[in-house]
Structure formats: structure tokens, C-alpha cells
Amino acid sequence: MKFSGYYHRALKASDRRYRRVFERMGYGRRDMRAAEAPKPDDEQDGISALRAEYQKAVGRRPYHGWDADELRAKIAEVQGADD
């Protein structure tokens, strides 16, 4: 559904007259802007590697909600069944 509310149209118009009004409403504050995106830590890289290993062992992608411990358990389970 296309949203075409008054303020939405005014924000898209980039009219200088609206700037003062929106700054008063809190839309133009510098402290409200998003910070720099956090960098992924090493743990995320480890999970990515475990997911790739699981996909190689099983042949399908793992459930995205599994943590590293559960992925290791599933991989061990599959490798134990192959032996």
C-alpha cells in the first residue's frame, strides 16, 4: 500500500519551508541520526564457518536460530551417523 500522508509528502518534497517545522518536531536533530553500523566480531565469523561446514556435511542450509554449540552438536551427530 502506498503511504501518502501529509508529512510523508512534505519530507519527500525537500522544501526549505518545512525544515524549520520538522526540526522543531525533532526530525532534524543531529543526535537522533543513526550511528555507524557495528562491525561484526569474530564470533559471527565462526558461526558463518560452522554454517558452511553444516551445509557441506548435511547438504542443506542450517536453521538461522541455531547458535555455535548447537551447530557443532548437529555436525557431530551427522558425522557420527556416517561412520
Protein backbone atom coordinates (compact mmCIF):
# COMPACT_ATOMS: atom_id res chain seq x y z
CA MET A 1 0.00 0.00 0.00
CA LYS A 2 1.33 3.39 -0.94
CA PHE A 3 1.63 5.75 2.01
CA SER A 4 0.84 9.30 1.08
CA GLY A 5 0.30 11.13 4.34
CA TYR A 6 0.82 14.86 4.60
CA TYR A 7 4.11 14.74 6.48
CA HIS A 8 5.42 11.94 4.32
CA ARG A 9 4.85 14.01 1.19
CA ALA A 10 6.36 17.07 2.84
CA LEU A 11 9.51 15.15 3.80
CA LYS A 12 9.91 13.86 0.26
CA ALA A 13 9.43 17.33 -1.22
CA SER A 14 12.61 18.63 0.49
CA ASP A 15 11.09 22.09 0.69
CA ARG A 16 13.13 24.53 2.78
CA ARG A 17 9.96 25.85 4.42
CA TYR A 18 9.36 22.52 6.09
CA ARG A 19 12.87 22.25 7.54
CA ARG A 20 12.22 24.56 10.47
CA VAL A 21 8.94 22.84 11.33
CA PHE A 22 10.46 19.38 11.21
CA GLU A 23 13.46 20.48 13.27
CA ARG A 24 11.05 21.70 15.94
CA MET A 25 9.30 18.34 15.82
CA GLY A 26 12.61 16.56 16.37
CA TYR A 27 13.26 15.17 12.91
CA GLY A 28 16.31 17.31 12.16
CA ARG A 29 18.38 16.77 15.30
CA ARG A 30 21.92 15.54 14.82
CA ASP A 31 21.81 13.41 17.96
CA MET A 32 18.85 11.48 16.51
CA ARG A 33 20.82 10.28 13.47
CA ALA A 34 21.95 6.70 13.28
CA ALA A 35 25.42 5.88 14.50
CA GLU A 36 27.93 3.97 12.44
CA ALA A 37 26.97 0.34 12.00
CA PRO A 38 28.77 -2.02 14.38
CA LYS A 39 31.45 -4.20 12.87
CA PRO A 40 30.91 -7.96 13.07
CA ASP A 41 33.02 -9.64 15.71
CA ASP A 42 34.99 -12.84 15.39
CA GLU A 43 32.16 -14.89 16.88
CA GLN A 44 29.97 -14.10 13.88
CA ASP A 45 32.73 -15.25 11.53
CA GLY A 46 32.96 -18.51 13.49
CA ILE A 47 29.23 -19.09 13.17
CA SER A 48 29.45 -18.42 9.43
CA ALA A 49 32.17 -21.04 9.12
CA LEU A 50 30.12 -23.52 11.16
CA ARG A 51 27.08 -22.89 8.98
CA ALA A 52 29.16 -23.54 5.86
CA GLU A 53 30.51 -26.74 7.43
CA TYR A 54 26.98 -27.87 8.33
CA GLN A 55 25.78 -27.19 4.80
CA LYS A 56 28.67 -29.21 3.39
CA ALA A 57 28.02 -32.12 5.78
CA VAL A 58 24.24 -32.27 5.52
CA GLY A 59 23.58 -30.83 2.09
CA ARG A 60 21.13 -28.16 3.19
CA ARG A 61 21.32 -24.86 5.00
CA PRO A 62 21.09 -24.78 8.81
CA TYR A 63 18.34 -23.14 10.80
CA HIS A 64 19.28 -19.48 11.35
CA GLY A 65 18.35 -19.59 15.04
CA TRP A 66 20.94 -22.19 15.99
CA ASP A 67 23.96 -20.97 17.94
CA ALA A 68 27.54 -22.27 17.59
CA ASP A 69 27.15 -25.01 20.22
CA GLU A 70 24.04 -26.43 18.59
CA LEU A 71 25.65 -26.34 15.15
CA ARG A 72 28.66 -28.25 16.47
CA ALA A 73 26.32 -30.83 18.02
CA LYS A 74 24.37 -31.26 14.78
CA ILE A 75 27.60 -31.63 12.76
CA ALA A 76 28.93 -34.22 15.22
CA GLU A 77 25.62 -36.06 15.02
CA VAL A 78 25.76 -36.23 11.24
CA GLN A 79 29.43 -37.24 11.19
CA GLY A 80 28.75 -39.91 13.83
CA ALA A 81 25.94 -41.35 11.71
CA ASP A 82 28.22 -41.54 8.66
CA ASP A 83 30.83 -43.65 10.50
